Amino acid sequence: MRFLLRFASFLSLVLGVLVASVDAIQSVSASQPVLTPLATALAAGGPSTTALVQSLERPHAGIAMFDPLIRWSLQQPAFAFLLLISLVLWMVAYRRPPVAGRFSA
């Protein structure tokens, strides 16, 4: 389980750095800051992810209390959201070193 969480953290980190690089290139070419929202980055994945973003933006009856959080997260910069997800997944998968040390009996 820890391996899967670390791998998901690594993938999220790679995607976050990739999106940040694209934003940096666009910012330099436009001479102003360009930040891609998460909804736009997800929608660029194809028709299935576009349908996913549209379904997330619609109000839901069962989880109505999470609708503002979902809408807020879809408006955030994609690189920041992906890096935050990577950090959270790494923290969940982190294992503390033993207190006594590496060579304790």
C-alpha atoms as a PDB file:
ATOM      1  CA  MET A   1       0.000   0.000   0.000  1.00  0.00           C
ATOM      2  CA  ARG A   2       2.814   2.362   0.873  1.00  0.00           C
ATOM      3  CA  PHE A   3       4.430   1.722  -2.506  1.00  0.00           C
ATOM      4  CA  LEU A   4       1.222   2.650  -4.355  1.00  0.00           C
ATOM      5  CA  LEU A   5       0.858   5.865  -2.376  1.00  0.00           C
ATOM      6  CA  ARG A   6       4.464   6.814  -3.068  1.00  0.00           C
ATOM      7  CA  PHE A   7       4.043   6.017  -6.750  1.00  0.00           C
ATOM      8  CA  ALA A   8       0.872   8.132  -6.934  1.00  0.00           C
ATOM      9  CA  SER A   9       2.761  10.908  -5.137  1.00  0.00           C
ATOM     10  CA  PHE A  10       5.567  10.648  -7.685  1.00  0.00           C
ATOM     11  CA  LEU A  11       3.139  10.806 -10.615  1.00  0.00           C
ATOM     12  CA  SER A  12       1.395  13.814  -9.120  1.00  0.00           C
ATOM     13  CA  LEU A  13       4.763  15.503  -8.587  1.00  0.00           C
ATOM     14  CA  VAL A  14       5.796  14.852 -12.194  1.00  0.00           C
ATOM     15  CA  LEU A  15       2.497  16.193 -13.527  1.00  0.00           C
ATOM     16  CA  GLY A  16       2.712  19.239 -11.254  1.00  0.00           C
ATOM     17  CA  VAL A  17       6.216  20.075 -12.461  1.00  0.00           C
ATOM     18  CA  LEU A  18       5.147  19.528 -16.076  1.00  0.00           C
ATOM     19  CA  VAL A  19       2.166  21.872 -15.723  1.00  0.00           C
ATOM     20  CA  ALA A  20       4.341  24.435 -13.911  1.00  0.00           C
ATOM     21  CA  SER A  21       6.868  24.284 -16.771  1.00  0.00           C
ATOM     22  CA  VAL A  22       4.158  24.851 -19.363  1.00  0.00           C
ATOM     23  CA  ASP A  23       2.781  27.766 -17.320  1.00  0.00           C
ATOM     24  CA  ALA A  24       6.277  29.248 -17.028  1.00  0.00           C
ATOM     25  CA  ILE A  25       6.838  29.020 -20.784  1.00  0.00           C
ATOM     26  CA  GLN A  26       3.456  30.623 -21.467  1.00  0.00           C
ATOM     27  CA  SER A  27       4.162  33.344 -18.907  1.00  0.00           C
ATOM     28  CA  VAL A  28       7.467  34.227 -20.535  1.00  0.00           C
ATOM     29  CA  SER A  29       5.944  34.334 -24.005  1.00  0.00           C
ATOM     30  CA  ALA A  30       2.984  36.445 -22.845  1.00  0.00           C
ATOM     31  CA  SER A  31       5.117  38.733 -20.621  1.00  0.00           C
ATOM     32  CA  GLN A  32       2.614  38.308 -17.812  1.00  0.00           C
ATOM     33  CA  PRO A  33       1.789  35.529 -15.346  1.00  0.00           C
ATOM     34  CA  VAL A  34      -0.264  32.719 -16.856  1.00  0.00           C
ATOM     35  CA  LEU A  35      -1.702  30.108 -14.478  1.00  0.00           C
ATOM     36  CA  THR A  36      -3.752  27.232 -15.854  1.00  0.00           C
ATOM     37  CA  PRO A  37      -6.789  26.391 -13.684  1.00  0.00           C
ATOM     38  CA  LEU A  38      -7.256  22.764 -12.675  1.00  0.00           C
ATOM     39  CA  ALA A  39     -10.525  22.490 -14.625  1.00  0.00           C
ATOM     40  CA  THR A  40      -8.790  23.571 -17.835  1.00  0.00           C
ATOM     41  CA  ALA A  41      -5.879  21.197 -17.267  1.00  0.00           C
ATOM     42  CA  LEU A  42      -8.250  18.278 -16.643  1.00  0.00           C
ATOM     43  CA  ALA A  43     -10.419  19.153 -19.637  1.00  0.00           C
ATOM     44  CA  ALA A  44      -7.335  19.061 -21.889  1.00  0.00           C
ATOM     45  CA  GLY A  45      -7.152  15.300 -21.297  1.00  0.00           C
ATOM     46  CA  GLY A  46      -9.887  14.482 -23.788  1.00  0.00           C
ATOM     47  CA  PRO A  47     -13.655  14.048 -24.018  1.00  0.00           C
ATOM     48  CA  SER A  48     -13.934  11.750 -21.008  1.00  0.00           C
ATOM     49  CA  THR A  49     -12.131  14.164 -18.693  1.00  0.00           C
ATOM     50  CA  THR A  50     -14.155  17.051 -20.104  1.00  0.00           C
ATOM     51  CA  ALA A  51     -17.320  15.166 -19.140  1.00  0.00           C
ATOM     52  CA  LEU A  52     -15.813  14.548 -15.690  1.00  0.00           C
ATOM     53  CA  VAL A  53     -15.128  18.266 -15.178  1.00  0.00           C
ATOM     54  CA  GLN A  54     -18.638  19.163 -16.330  1.00  0.00           C
ATOM     55  CA  SER A  55     -20.161  16.630 -13.942  1.00  0.00           C
ATOM     56  CA  LEU A  56     -18.063  17.994 -11.068  1.00  0.00           C
ATOM     57  CA  GLU A  57     -19.223  21.549 -11.791  1.00  0.00           C
ATOM     58  CA  ARG A  58     -22.910  20.603 -11.592  1.00  0.00           C
ATOM     59  CA  PRO A  59     -24.606  20.731  -8.177  1.00  0.00           C
ATOM     60  CA  HIS A  60     -25.018  17.366  -6.442  1.00  0.00           C
ATOM     61  CA  ALA A  61     -27.887  16.497  -4.122  1.00  0.00           C
ATOM     62  CA  GLY A  62     -26.090  13.914  -1.986  1.00  0.00           C
ATOM     63  CA  ILE A  63     -22.861  15.786  -1.365  1.00  0.00           C
ATOM     64  CA  ALA A  64     -24.098  19.358  -1.505  1.00  0.00           C
ATOM     65  CA  MET A  65     -21.822  20.447   1.320  1.00  0.00           C
ATOM     66  CA  PHE A  66     -18.742  19.582  -0.770  1.00  0.00           C
ATOM     67  CA  ASP A  67     -19.876  21.506  -3.879  1.00  0.00           C
ATOM     68  CA  PRO A  68     -18.210  24.802  -2.876  1.00  0.00           C
ATOM     69  CA  LEU A  69     -14.962  22.963  -2.083  1.00  0.00           C
ATOM     70  CA  ILE A  70     -15.026  21.144  -5.435  1.00  0.00           C
ATOM     71  CA  ARG A  71     -15.730  24.352  -7.368  1.00  0.00           C
ATOM     72  CA  TRP A  72     -13.015  26.207  -5.447  1.00  0.00           C
ATOM     73  CA  SER A  73     -10.445  23.483  -6.134  1.00  0.00           C
ATOM     74  CA  LEU A  74     -11.271  23.441  -9.861  1.00  0.00           C
ATOM     75  CA  GLN A  75     -10.464  27.176 -10.030  1.00  0.00           C
ATOM     76  CA  GLN A  76      -7.027  26.848  -8.386  1.00  0.00           C
ATOM     77  CA  PRO A  77      -3.801  26.684 -10.417  1.00  0.00           C
ATOM     78  CA  ALA A  78      -3.238  23.135 -11.598  1.00  0.00           C
ATOM     79  CA  PHE A  79       0.431  22.998 -10.611  1.00  0.00           C
ATOM     80  CA  ALA A  80      -0.300  24.057  -7.016  1.00  0.00           C
ATOM     81  CA  PHE A  81      -3.121  21.536  -6.637  1.00  0.00           C
ATOM     82  CA  LEU A  82      -1.030  18.694  -8.051  1.00  0.00           C
ATOM     83  CA  LEU A  83       1.949  19.557  -5.853  1.00  0.00           C
ATOM     84  CA  LEU A  84      -0.326  19.696  -2.804  1.00  0.00           C
ATOM     85  CA  ILE A  85      -1.792  16.282  -3.644  1.00  0.00           C
ATOM     86  CA  SER A  86       1.743  14.949  -4.080  1.00  0.00           C
ATOM     87  CA  LEU A  87       2.753  16.273  -0.657  1.00  0.00           C
ATOM     88  CA  VAL A  88      -0.321  14.813   1.053  1.00  0.00           C
ATOM     89  CA  LEU A  89       0.194  11.391  -0.544  1.00  0.00           C
ATOM     90  CA  TRP A  90       3.871  11.399   0.446  1.00  0.00           C
ATOM     91  CA  MET A  91       2.981  12.338   4.030  1.00  0.00           C
ATOM     92  CA  VAL A  92       0.461   9.484   4.240  1.00  0.00           C
ATOM     93  CA  ALA A  93       3.031   6.992   2.919  1.00  0.00           C
ATOM     94  CA  TYR A  94       5.877   8.268   5.105  1.00  0.00           C
ATOM     95  CA  ARG A  95       7.309   5.866   7.667  1.00  0.00           C
ATOM     96  CA  ARG A  96       9.235   7.256  10.589  1.00  0.00           C
ATOM     97  CA  PRO A  97      12.718   5.882  11.195  1.00  0.00           C
ATOM     98  CA  PRO A  98      13.084   3.780  14.333  1.00  0.00           C
ATOM     99  CA  VAL A  99      13.786   5.791  17.473  1.00  0.00           C
ATOM    100  CA  ALA A 100      16.708   3.612  18.600  1.00  0.00           C
ATOM    101  CA  GLY A 101      18.536   4.010  15.313  1.00  0.00           C
ATOM    102  CA  ARG A 102      19.498   1.884  12.415  1.00  0.00           C
ATOM    103  CA  PHE A 103      21.897  -0.473  14.137  1.00  0.00           C
ATOM    104  CA  SER A 104      20.003  -1.140  17.363  1.00  0.00           C
ATOM    105  CA  ALA A 105      19.546  -4.703  18.471  1.00  0.00           C
END
